[in-house]
Amino acid sequence: MDITAPPDQIAGVRVTLRRYRYPDDLADLHASIAASFGHLRDWMPWAQQPPTDDSVRAFLEPAARDFGGDSSANYAITLRGTGEYCGGCGLHPRSGEGALEIGYWIDVRHTRQGLVTESARLLTVVAFAVPGIDRVEIHCDEANARSAAVPSRLGYRLDRIQGAAKTAPKDTGRSMIWVMDRGTWMGSIR
């Protein structure tokens, strides 16, 4: 699925999502993952080892270079006004024809502030602006209540729970697939 020309920056009320910058974001991304390692390790397959400059670079360099098109559109979540880095999110072309998947994580120092919900709302708007996208999905483990609260707050419907590989310590091996279709989203004017 070709994510045609997603914007490099998306401004919300409290956050700005912006395309990652390499090497400029290396230190902030590394520090954020390090500070949040215990929090992220529970649910994120990519956070099973403490971050190193090499592991962060291995994500950041291609994320900054390969943006949209046939690749994911990965964004830094930053606080509007200060530009402080506080997490990451993205649109991923891995849910089949006519669909994009939203992924997200937040620095533990910025949890419970609604920043992920705002980021996912902004990404949903951008996803439906992509020609040919009729469905947006958010996937999370059945036991990850905080992650599942995001699509629920945005009006996504729980489409199904299916078996999935256990890739992190708290994974149950059951993935919740939350879905928003274009008609429902456009009809709700979020």
N, C-alpha and C. Protein backbone atom coordinates (compact mmCIF):
# COMPACT_ATOMS: atom_id res chain seq x y z
N MET A 1 0.87 -1.18 0.00
CA MET A 1 0.00 0.00 0.00
C MET A 1 0.90 1.22 0.00
N ASP A 2 0.72 2.04 -0.96
CA ASP A 2 1.52 3.25 -1.11
C ASP A 2 0.91 4.37 -0.27
N ILE A 3 1.64 4.84 0.74
CA ILE A 3 1.18 5.98 1.54
C ILE A 3 1.66 7.23 0.80
N THR A 4 0.84 7.71 -0.10
CA THR A 4 1.21 8.82 -0.96
C THR A 4 1.36 10.11 -0.17
N ALA A 5 2.54 10.65 -0.20
CA ALA A 5 2.85 11.98 0.31
C ALA A 5 2.19 12.35 1.64
N PRO A 6 2.45 11.59 2.71
CA PRO A 6 1.93 12.05 4.00
C PRO A 6 2.65 13.33 4.38
N PRO A 7 2.01 14.19 5.13
CA PRO A 7 2.68 15.45 5.50
C PRO A 7 3.87 15.18 6.42
N ASP A 8 4.89 16.00 6.29
CA ASP A 8 6.07 15.88 7.16
C ASP A 8 5.76 16.31 8.59
N GLN A 9 4.74 17.13 8.75
CA GLN A 9 4.38 17.63 10.08
C GLN A 9 2.87 17.77 10.19
N ILE A 10 2.35 17.42 11.37
CA ILE A 10 0.92 17.51 11.65
C ILE A 10 0.76 18.19 13.00
N ALA A 11 0.10 19.33 13.03
CA ALA A 11 -0.06 20.09 14.27
C ALA A 11 -1.41 19.78 14.91
N GLY A 12 -1.37 19.46 16.19
CA GLY A 12 -2.57 19.26 16.98
C GLY A 12 -2.69 20.36 18.01
N VAL A 13 -3.55 20.14 18.99
CA VAL A 13 -3.74 21.13 20.05
C VAL A 13 -2.55 21.13 21.00
N ARG A 14 -2.12 19.93 21.42
CA ARG A 14 -1.02 19.83 22.39
C ARG A 14 0.24 19.20 21.83
N VAL A 15 0.10 18.50 20.71
CA VAL A 15 1.26 17.82 20.11
C VAL A 15 1.46 18.26 18.67
N THR A 16 2.69 18.11 18.25
CA THR A 16 3.04 18.20 16.84
C THR A 16 3.69 16.88 16.48
N LEU A 17 3.16 16.23 15.46
CA LEU A 17 3.79 15.03 14.93
C LEU A 17 4.67 15.49 13.78
N ARG A 18 5.92 15.07 13.79
CA ARG A 18 6.81 15.47 12.72
C ARG A 18 7.67 14.30 12.29
N ARG A 19 8.00 14.32 11.03
CA ARG A 19 8.88 13.30 10.47
C ARG A 19 10.17 13.28 11.28
N TYR A 20 10.66 12.07 11.57
CA TYR A 20 11.93 11.96 12.28
C TYR A 20 13.06 12.59 11.47
N ARG A 21 14.05 13.10 12.20
CA ARG A 21 15.23 13.72 11.60
C ARG A 21 16.47 12.94 12.06
N TYR A 22 17.26 12.52 11.09
CA TYR A 22 18.50 11.84 11.41
C TYR A 22 19.67 12.71 10.97
N PRO A 23 20.62 12.94 11.84
CA PRO A 23 20.87 12.38 13.16
C PRO A 23 20.31 13.23 14.31
N ASP A 24 19.60 14.29 13.99
CA ASP A 24 19.16 15.26 15.02
C ASP A 24 18.36 14.63 16.16
N ASP A 25 17.55 13.62 15.87
CA ASP A 25 16.69 13.03 16.90
C ASP A 25 17.34 11.88 17.68
N LEU A 26 18.56 11.53 17.32
CA LEU A 26 19.20 10.36 17.92
C LEU A 26 19.28 10.45 19.45
N ALA A 27 19.78 11.53 19.98
CA ALA A 27 19.96 11.64 21.44
C ALA A 27 18.62 11.65 22.17
N ASP A 28 17.64 12.41 21.67
CA ASP A 28 16.33 12.47 22.34
C ASP A 28 15.60 11.14 22.29
N LEU A 29 15.64 10.48 21.14
CA LEU A 29 14.99 9.17 21.00
C LEU A 29 15.64 8.15 21.93
N HIS A 30 16.97 8.13 21.96
CA HIS A 30 17.70 7.21 22.83
C HIS A 30 17.34 7.47 24.30
N ALA A 31 17.35 8.73 24.71
CA ALA A 31 17.04 9.07 26.10
C ALA A 31 15.61 8.70 26.46
N SER A 32 14.68 8.89 25.55
CA SER A 32 13.27 8.58 25.81
C SER A 32 13.06 7.07 25.96
N ILE A 33 13.66 6.29 25.08
CA ILE A 33 13.54 4.84 25.17
C ILE A 33 14.21 4.34 26.44
N ALA A 34 15.37 4.89 26.78
CA ALA A 34 16.07 4.48 28.00
C ALA A 34 15.24 4.78 29.24
N ALA A 35 14.65 5.96 29.30
CA ALA A 35 13.84 6.34 30.46
C ALA A 35 12.59 5.49 30.57
N SER A 36 12.10 5.00 29.44
CA SER A 36 10.83 4.27 29.38
C SER A 36 11.02 2.77 29.20
N PHE A 37 12.26 2.30 29.28
CA PHE A 37 12.56 0.91 28.92
C PHE A 37 11.68 -0.10 29.64
N GLY A 38 11.53 0.00 30.96
CA GLY A 38 10.71 -0.96 31.70
C GLY A 38 9.25 -0.92 31.25
N HIS A 39 8.77 0.25 30.98
CA HIS A 39 7.39 0.48 30.52
C HIS A 39 7.20 -0.10 29.11
N LEU A 40 8.15 0.14 28.22
CA LEU A 40 8.05 -0.32 26.84
C LEU A 40 8.30 -1.82 26.70
N ARG A 41 9.21 -2.33 27.49
CA ARG A 41 9.60 -3.74 27.38
C ARG A 41 8.40 -4.67 27.55
N ASP A 42 7.45 -4.30 28.41
CA ASP A 42 6.28 -5.15 28.66
C ASP A 42 5.49 -5.45 27.39
N TRP A 43 5.44 -4.48 26.45
CA TRP A 43 4.53 -4.61 25.31
C TRP A 43 5.18 -4.52 23.93
N MET A 44 6.34 -3.92 23.83
CA MET A 44 6.93 -3.64 22.52
C MET A 44 8.01 -4.66 22.16
N PRO A 45 7.83 -5.38 21.06
CA PRO A 45 8.84 -6.37 20.68
C PRO A 45 10.21 -5.76 20.40
N TRP A 46 10.25 -4.51 19.95
CA TRP A 46 11.53 -3.86 19.64
C TRP A 46 12.24 -3.35 20.88
N ALA A 47 11.61 -3.43 22.05
CA ALA A 47 12.21 -2.90 23.29
C ALA A 47 12.56 -4.03 24.26
N GLN A 48 13.10 -5.10 23.76
CA GLN A 48 13.44 -6.22 24.64
C GLN A 48 14.85 -6.14 25.19
N GLN A 49 15.65 -5.23 24.66
CA GLN A 49 16.99 -4.96 25.16
C GLN A 49 17.11 -3.46 25.37
N PRO A 50 17.89 -3.03 26.37
CA PRO A 50 18.08 -1.58 26.55
C PRO A 50 18.61 -0.95 25.26
N PRO A 51 18.22 0.28 24.99
CA PRO A 51 18.66 0.92 23.74
C PRO A 51 20.16 1.19 23.73
N THR A 52 20.71 1.11 22.56
CA THR A 52 22.11 1.51 22.31
C THR A 52 22.08 2.52 21.18
N ASP A 53 23.17 3.23 21.00
CA ASP A 53 23.23 4.16 19.86
C ASP A 53 22.99 3.40 18.56
N ASP A 54 23.55 2.20 18.45
CA ASP A 54 23.38 1.42 17.22
C ASP A 54 21.94 0.99 17.01
N SER A 55 21.25 0.53 18.07
CA SER A 55 19.87 0.08 17.90
C SER A 55 18.94 1.25 17.57
N VAL A 56 19.17 2.39 18.19
CA VAL A 56 18.35 3.56 17.91
C VAL A 56 18.62 4.05 16.48
N ARG A 57 19.87 4.07 16.09
CA ARG A 57 20.25 4.48 14.73
C ARG A 57 19.63 3.54 13.70
N ALA A 58 19.59 2.24 14.01
CA ALA A 58 19.03 1.26 13.08
C ALA A 58 17.55 1.53 12.78
N PHE A 59 16.83 2.11 13.72
CA PHE A 59 15.44 2.53 13.47
C PHE A 59 15.41 3.91 12.83
N LEU A 60 16.13 4.84 13.43
CA LEU A 60 15.98 6.25 13.09
C LEU A 60 16.43 6.59 11.67
N GLU A 61 17.55 6.07 11.26
CA GLU A 61 18.06 6.43 9.93
C GLU A 61 17.08 6.05 8.82
N PRO A 62 16.59 4.79 8.75
CA PRO A 62 15.62 4.49 7.69
C PRO A 62 14.26 5.16 7.91
N ALA A 63 13.86 5.39 9.17
CA ALA A 63 12.58 6.06 9.43
C ALA A 63 12.60 7.48 8.87
N ALA A 64 13.73 8.15 9.01
CA ALA A 64 13.85 9.52 8.50
C ALA A 64 13.98 9.53 6.97
N ARG A 65 14.67 8.56 6.44
CA ARG A 65 14.94 8.52 4.99
C ARG A 65 13.75 7.99 4.20
N ASP A 66 13.17 6.87 4.65
CA ASP A 66 12.11 6.16 3.92
C ASP A 66 10.78 6.49 4.57
N PHE A 67 10.12 7.50 4.10
CA PHE A 67 8.93 8.03 4.75
C PHE A 67 7.77 8.00 3.77
N GLY A 68 6.77 7.18 4.06
CA GLY A 68 5.63 7.07 3.16
C GLY A 68 5.97 6.20 1.96
N GLY A 69 5.22 6.36 0.89
CA GLY A 69 5.41 5.48 -0.25
C GLY A 69 5.06 4.07 0.16
N ASP A 70 5.97 3.13 -0.09
CA ASP A 70 5.75 1.74 0.33
C ASP A 70 6.24 1.49 1.76
N SER A 71 6.80 2.51 2.39
CA SER A 71 7.33 2.39 3.75
C SER A 71 6.38 3.03 4.76
N SER A 72 6.62 2.75 6.01
CA SER A 72 5.86 3.39 7.07
C SER A 72 6.16 4.89 7.09
N ALA A 73 5.18 5.65 7.55
CA ALA A 73 5.38 7.07 7.82
C ALA A 73 5.50 7.20 9.33
N ASN A 74 6.74 7.24 9.82
CA ASN A 74 7.01 7.30 11.26
C ASN A 74 7.18 8.74 11.69
N TYR A 75 6.53 9.08 12.80
CA TYR A 75 6.56 10.45 13.33
C TYR A 75 7.08 10.49 14.76
N ALA A 76 7.82 11.55 15.07
CA ALA A 76 8.15 11.88 16.45
C ALA A 76 6.94 12.61 17.03
N ILE A 77 6.53 12.24 18.23
CA ILE A 77 5.50 12.99 18.94
C ILE A 77 6.23 14.03 19.78
N THR A 78 5.95 15.30 19.52
CA THR A 78 6.59 16.38 20.26
C THR A 78 5.54 17.28 20.88
N LEU A 79 5.89 17.92 21.96
CA LEU A 79 4.97 18.85 22.60
C LEU A 79 4.91 20.14 21.78
N ARG A 80 3.72 20.57 21.52
CA ARG A 80 3.55 21.80 20.74
C ARG A 80 4.06 22.97 21.58
N GLY A 81 4.77 23.84 20.99
CA GLY A 81 5.30 25.00 21.71
C GLY A 81 6.75 24.79 22.11
N THR A 82 7.05 23.70 22.82
CA THR A 82 8.42 23.47 23.28
C THR A 82 9.21 22.57 22.34
N GLY A 83 8.52 21.71 21.59
CA GLY A 83 9.21 20.77 20.72
C GLY A 83 9.80 19.58 21.45
N GLU A 84 9.54 19.45 22.76
CA GLU A 84 10.09 18.34 23.53
C GLU A 84 9.62 17.01 22.97
N TYR A 85 10.57 16.08 22.76
CA TYR A 85 10.26 14.75 22.26
C TYR A 85 9.56 13.96 23.35
N CYS A 86 8.45 13.29 23.01
CA CYS A 86 7.75 12.51 24.04
C CYS A 86 7.22 11.17 23.56
N GLY A 87 7.57 10.72 22.37
CA GLY A 87 7.16 9.40 21.91
C GLY A 87 7.19 9.29 20.41
N GLY A 88 6.66 8.17 19.92
CA GLY A 88 6.65 7.93 18.49
C GLY A 88 5.35 7.31 18.04
N CYS A 89 5.03 7.53 16.78
CA CYS A 89 3.82 6.94 16.21
C CYS A 89 4.03 6.81 14.71
N GLY A 90 3.10 6.14 14.06
CA GLY A 90 3.26 6.01 12.62
C GLY A 90 2.07 5.41 11.94
N LEU A 91 2.06 5.57 10.62
CA LEU A 91 1.10 4.92 9.73
C LEU A 91 1.86 3.82 9.01
N HIS A 92 1.34 2.59 9.11
CA HIS A 92 2.05 1.43 8.59
C HIS A 92 1.21 0.70 7.55
N PRO A 93 1.79 0.45 6.36
CA PRO A 93 1.07 -0.24 5.30
C PRO A 93 1.16 -1.76 5.44
N ARG A 94 0.60 -2.30 6.52
CA ARG A 94 0.73 -3.74 6.78
C ARG A 94 -0.61 -4.41 7.08
N SER A 95 -1.70 -3.73 6.78
CA SER A 95 -3.02 -4.30 7.09
C SER A 95 -3.84 -4.63 5.85
N GLY A 96 -3.18 -4.72 4.71
CA GLY A 96 -3.88 -5.12 3.50
C GLY A 96 -4.31 -3.95 2.65
N GLU A 97 -4.89 -4.28 1.51
CA GLU A 97 -5.32 -3.29 0.52
C GLU A 97 -6.36 -2.35 1.12
N GLY A 98 -6.20 -1.07 0.89
CA GLY A 98 -7.17 -0.08 1.34
C GLY A 98 -7.13 0.23 2.83
N ALA A 99 -6.05 -0.20 3.50
CA ALA A 99 -5.98 -0.03 4.96
C ALA A 99 -4.59 0.43 5.39
N LEU A 100 -4.56 1.13 6.49
CA LEU A 100 -3.31 1.49 7.17
C LEU A 100 -3.47 1.15 8.64
N GLU A 101 -2.37 0.82 9.28
CA GLU A 101 -2.37 0.55 10.72
C GLU A 101 -1.64 1.68 11.42
N ILE A 102 -2.20 2.11 12.54
CA ILE A 102 -1.56 3.11 13.38
C ILE A 102 -0.85 2.40 14.52
N GLY A 103 0.39 2.79 14.75
CA GLY A 103 1.14 2.31 15.90
C GLY A 103 1.60 3.50 16.73
N TYR A 104 1.83 3.28 18.03
CA TYR A 104 2.23 4.38 18.90
C TYR A 104 2.90 3.87 20.16
N TRP A 105 3.71 4.73 20.75
CA TRP A 105 4.27 4.52 22.08
C TRP A 105 4.55 5.90 22.67
N ILE A 106 4.58 5.95 23.99
CA ILE A 106 4.79 7.24 24.66
C ILE A 106 5.85 7.09 25.74
N ASP A 107 6.66 8.10 25.88
CA ASP A 107 7.66 8.17 26.95
C ASP A 107 6.92 8.09 28.29
N VAL A 108 7.40 7.27 29.18
CA VAL A 108 6.73 7.05 30.47
C VAL A 108 6.53 8.36 31.25
N ARG A 109 7.36 9.34 30.99
CA ARG A 109 7.23 10.64 31.67
C ARG A 109 6.07 11.48 31.12
N HIS A 110 5.41 10.97 30.07
CA HIS A 110 4.30 11.71 29.44
C HIS A 110 3.01 10.89 29.35
N THR A 111 2.94 9.80 30.11
CA THR A 111 1.73 8.97 30.06
C THR A 111 0.57 9.66 30.76
N ARG A 112 -0.62 9.19 30.44
CA ARG A 112 -1.87 9.63 31.08
C ARG A 112 -2.15 11.12 30.91
N GLN A 113 -1.73 11.66 29.77
CA GLN A 113 -1.99 13.07 29.46
C GLN A 113 -2.83 13.24 28.20
N GLY A 114 -3.21 12.12 27.59
CA GLY A 114 -4.01 12.19 26.37
C GLY A 114 -3.21 12.45 25.11
N LEU A 115 -1.89 12.43 25.21
CA LEU A 115 -1.05 12.75 24.05
C LEU A 115 -1.12 11.67 22.98
N VAL A 116 -1.21 10.40 23.38
CA VAL A 116 -1.32 9.32 22.41
C VAL A 116 -2.68 9.36 21.73
N THR A 117 -3.72 9.62 22.49
CA THR A 117 -5.06 9.71 21.88
C THR A 117 -5.10 10.84 20.85
N GLU A 118 -4.53 11.99 21.20
CA GLU A 118 -4.48 13.09 20.24
C GLU A 118 -3.66 12.71 19.01
N SER A 119 -2.54 12.03 19.22
CA SER A 119 -1.69 11.62 18.10
C SER A 119 -2.42 10.63 17.19
N ALA A 120 -3.10 9.66 17.78
CA ALA A 120 -3.84 8.68 16.98
C ALA A 120 -4.99 9.34 16.23
N ARG A 121 -5.63 10.33 16.83
CA ARG A 121 -6.69 11.07 16.13
C ARG A 121 -6.11 11.79 14.92
N LEU A 122 -4.98 12.47 15.09
CA LEU A 122 -4.33 13.17 13.98
C LEU A 122 -3.93 12.19 12.87
N LEU A 123 -3.40 11.04 13.24
CA LEU A 123 -3.00 10.05 12.24
C LEU A 123 -4.21 9.47 11.51
N THR A 124 -5.33 9.34 12.20
CA THR A 124 -6.55 8.85 11.55
C THR A 124 -7.00 9.83 10.48
N VAL A 125 -6.97 11.11 10.80
CA VAL A 125 -7.32 12.15 9.82
C VAL A 125 -6.41 12.06 8.61
N VAL A 126 -5.10 11.96 8.84
CA VAL A 126 -4.13 11.88 7.75
C VAL A 126 -4.33 10.60 6.94
N ALA A 127 -4.59 9.48 7.61
CA ALA A 127 -4.78 8.21 6.91
C ALA A 127 -5.94 8.30 5.92
N PHE A 128 -7.06 8.88 6.36
CA PHE A 128 -8.21 8.97 5.47
C PHE A 128 -8.03 10.03 4.38
N ALA A 129 -6.99 10.84 4.47
CA ALA A 129 -6.68 11.78 3.39
C ALA A 129 -5.87 11.10 2.29
N VAL A 130 -5.37 9.89 2.56
CA VAL A 130 -4.60 9.14 1.56
C VAL A 130 -5.58 8.51 0.58
N PRO A 131 -5.41 8.76 -0.72
CA PRO A 131 -6.31 8.14 -1.69
C PRO A 131 -6.35 6.62 -1.57
N GLY A 132 -7.53 6.06 -1.61
CA GLY A 132 -7.70 4.61 -1.57
C GLY A 132 -7.76 4.00 -0.18
N ILE A 133 -7.59 4.79 0.86
CA ILE A 133 -7.66 4.25 2.23
C ILE A 133 -9.10 4.35 2.72
N ASP A 134 -9.67 3.19 3.01
CA ASP A 134 -11.05 3.11 3.50
C ASP A 134 -11.15 2.59 4.92
N ARG A 135 -10.02 2.08 5.46
CA ARG A 135 -10.03 1.47 6.79
C ARG A 135 -8.71 1.79 7.50
N VAL A 136 -8.81 2.10 8.77
CA VAL A 136 -7.63 2.30 9.61
C VAL A 136 -7.75 1.33 10.78
N GLU A 137 -6.66 0.69 11.13
CA GLU A 137 -6.65 -0.29 12.21
C GLU A 137 -5.64 0.11 13.29
N ILE A 138 -5.96 -0.30 14.51
CA ILE A 138 -5.01 -0.23 15.63
C ILE A 138 -5.00 -1.61 16.26
N HIS A 139 -3.82 -2.19 16.39
CA HIS A 139 -3.66 -3.53 16.97
C HIS A 139 -2.97 -3.40 18.32
N CYS A 140 -3.43 -4.17 19.29
CA CYS A 140 -2.73 -4.25 20.58
C CYS A 140 -3.08 -5.56 21.26
N ASP A 141 -2.23 -5.97 22.17
CA ASP A 141 -2.49 -7.20 22.90
C ASP A 141 -3.75 -7.04 23.76
N GLU A 142 -4.47 -8.12 23.90
CA GLU A 142 -5.72 -8.12 24.66
C GLU A 142 -5.53 -7.63 26.10
N ALA A 143 -4.37 -7.86 26.68
CA ALA A 143 -4.12 -7.46 28.06
C ALA A 143 -3.65 -6.02 28.20
N ASN A 144 -3.36 -5.36 27.10
CA ASN A 144 -2.82 -4.00 27.15
C ASN A 144 -3.98 -2.99 27.20
N ALA A 145 -4.56 -2.86 28.35
CA ALA A 145 -5.75 -2.02 28.53
C ALA A 145 -5.49 -0.55 28.19
N ARG A 146 -4.33 -0.04 28.55
CA ARG A 146 -4.04 1.38 28.28
C ARG A 146 -3.93 1.65 26.79
N SER A 147 -3.33 0.73 26.05
CA SER A 147 -3.25 0.90 24.61
C SER A 147 -4.62 0.76 23.96
N ALA A 148 -5.42 -0.18 24.44
CA ALA A 148 -6.76 -0.40 23.88
C ALA A 148 -7.71 0.76 24.18
N ALA A 149 -7.43 1.52 25.22
CA ALA A 149 -8.29 2.66 25.56
C ALA A 149 -8.23 3.74 24.48
N VAL A 150 -7.13 3.82 23.75
CA VAL A 150 -6.97 4.86 22.73
C VAL A 150 -7.99 4.69 21.60
N PRO A 151 -8.02 3.54 20.91
CA PRO A 151 -9.02 3.42 19.84
C PRO A 151 -10.45 3.47 20.37
N SER A 152 -10.66 2.97 21.56
CA SER A 152 -12.00 3.03 22.15
C SER A 152 -12.45 4.47 22.32
N ARG A 153 -11.56 5.33 22.83
CA ARG A 153 -11.90 6.75 23.01
C ARG A 153 -12.19 7.45 21.69
N LEU A 154 -11.55 6.98 20.63
CA LEU A 154 -11.72 7.62 19.32
C LEU A 154 -12.90 7.06 18.53
N GLY A 155 -13.61 6.10 19.09
CA GLY A 155 -14.77 5.56 18.41
C GLY A 155 -14.49 4.39 17.48
N TYR A 156 -13.27 3.87 17.48
CA TYR A 156 -12.97 2.66 16.73
C TYR A 156 -13.80 1.53 17.31
N ARG A 157 -14.12 0.54 16.50
CA ARG A 157 -14.85 -0.62 17.02
C ARG A 157 -13.90 -1.81 17.10
N LEU A 158 -14.09 -2.60 18.13
CA LEU A 158 -13.30 -3.83 18.25
C LEU A 158 -13.84 -4.81 17.23
N ASP A 159 -13.06 -5.07 16.20
CA ASP A 159 -13.48 -5.94 15.11
C ASP A 159 -13.33 -7.41 15.47
N ARG A 160 -12.21 -7.73 16.11
CA ARG A 160 -11.95 -9.14 16.43
C ARG A 160 -10.76 -9.25 17.38
N ILE A 161 -10.67 -10.41 17.99
CA ILE A 161 -9.50 -10.77 18.78
C ILE A 161 -8.98 -12.05 18.15
N GLN A 162 -7.71 -12.05 17.79
CA GLN A 162 -7.15 -13.20 17.10
C GLN A 162 -5.82 -13.60 17.73
N GLY A 163 -5.44 -14.84 17.49
CA GLY A 163 -4.17 -15.34 17.98
C GLY A 163 -3.02 -14.58 17.34
N ALA A 164 -1.98 -14.36 18.12
CA ALA A 164 -0.79 -13.66 17.64
C ALA A 164 0.42 -14.21 18.38
N ALA A 165 1.56 -14.03 17.80
CA ALA A 165 2.79 -14.48 18.46
C ALA A 165 3.02 -13.65 19.72
N LYS A 166 3.52 -14.28 20.76
CA LYS A 166 3.93 -13.56 21.96
C LYS A 166 5.31 -12.97 21.69
N THR A 167 5.38 -11.63 21.70
CA THR A 167 6.64 -10.97 21.35
C THR A 167 7.19 -10.10 22.46
N ALA A 168 6.48 -10.02 23.57
CA ALA A 168 6.92 -9.21 24.70
C ALA A 168 6.42 -9.88 25.99
N PRO A 169 7.03 -9.58 27.13
CA PRO A 169 6.73 -10.29 28.37
C PRO A 169 5.26 -10.33 28.80
N LYS A 170 4.51 -9.26 28.58
CA LYS A 170 3.11 -9.25 29.03
C LYS A 170 2.11 -9.66 27.95
N ASP A 171 2.61 -9.96 26.74
CA ASP A 171 1.73 -10.42 25.68
C ASP A 171 0.99 -11.69 26.10
N THR A 172 -0.27 -11.76 25.74
CA THR A 172 -1.06 -12.96 25.98
C THR A 172 -1.10 -13.86 24.76
N GLY A 173 -0.69 -13.32 23.61
CA GLY A 173 -0.81 -14.08 22.37
C GLY A 173 -2.19 -13.90 21.74
N ARG A 174 -2.93 -12.90 22.20
CA ARG A 174 -4.25 -12.59 21.64
C ARG A 174 -4.28 -11.10 21.31
N SER A 175 -4.40 -10.80 20.03
CA SER A 175 -4.33 -9.43 19.55
C SER A 175 -5.72 -8.87 19.28
N MET A 176 -5.98 -7.69 19.82
CA MET A 176 -7.23 -6.97 19.54
C MET A 176 -7.02 -6.16 18.27
N ILE A 177 -7.97 -6.26 17.35
CA ILE A 177 -7.92 -5.50 16.10
C ILE A 177 -9.07 -4.49 16.15
N TRP A 178 -8.72 -3.23 16.31
CA TRP A 178 -9.68 -2.14 16.35
C TRP A 178 -9.75 -1.52 14.96
N VAL A 179 -10.96 -1.19 14.49
CA VAL A 179 -11.14 -0.72 13.12
C VAL A 179 -11.99 0.54 13.09
N MET A 180 -11.58 1.45 12.21
CA MET A 180 -12.38 2.63 11.88
C MET A 180 -12.52 2.64 10.36
N ASP A 181 -13.76 2.78 9.87
CA ASP A 181 -13.95 2.89 8.43
C ASP A 181 -14.18 4.35 8.07
N ARG A 182 -13.91 4.68 6.83
CA ARG A 182 -13.98 6.05 6.35
C ARG A 182 -15.35 6.67 6.61
N GLY A 183 -16.43 5.97 6.29
CA GLY A 183 -17.77 6.52 6.45
C GLY A 183 -18.09 6.89 7.89
N THR A 184 -17.72 6.02 8.81
CA THR A 184 -17.97 6.29 10.23
C THR A 184 -17.17 7.49 10.70
N TRP A 185 -15.88 7.53 10.32
CA TRP A 185 -15.02 8.63 10.73
C TRP A 185 -15.52 9.97 10.18
N MET A 186 -15.81 9.99 8.89
CA MET A 186 -16.25 11.23 8.27
C MET A 186 -17.60 11.68 8.82
N GLY A 187 -18.44 10.73 9.18
CA GLY A 187 -19.75 11.05 9.73
C GLY A 187 -19.70 11.58 11.15
N SER A 188 -18.58 11.31 11.84
CA SER A 188 -18.49 11.73 13.23
C SER A 188 -17.80 13.07 13.41
N ILE A 189 -17.06 13.52 12.39
CA ILE A 189 -16.30 14.80 12.42
C ILE A 189 -15.57 14.96 13.75
N ARG A 190 -14.48 14.24 13.89
CA ARG A 190 -13.69 14.25 15.13
C ARG A 190 -12.69 15.36 15.09
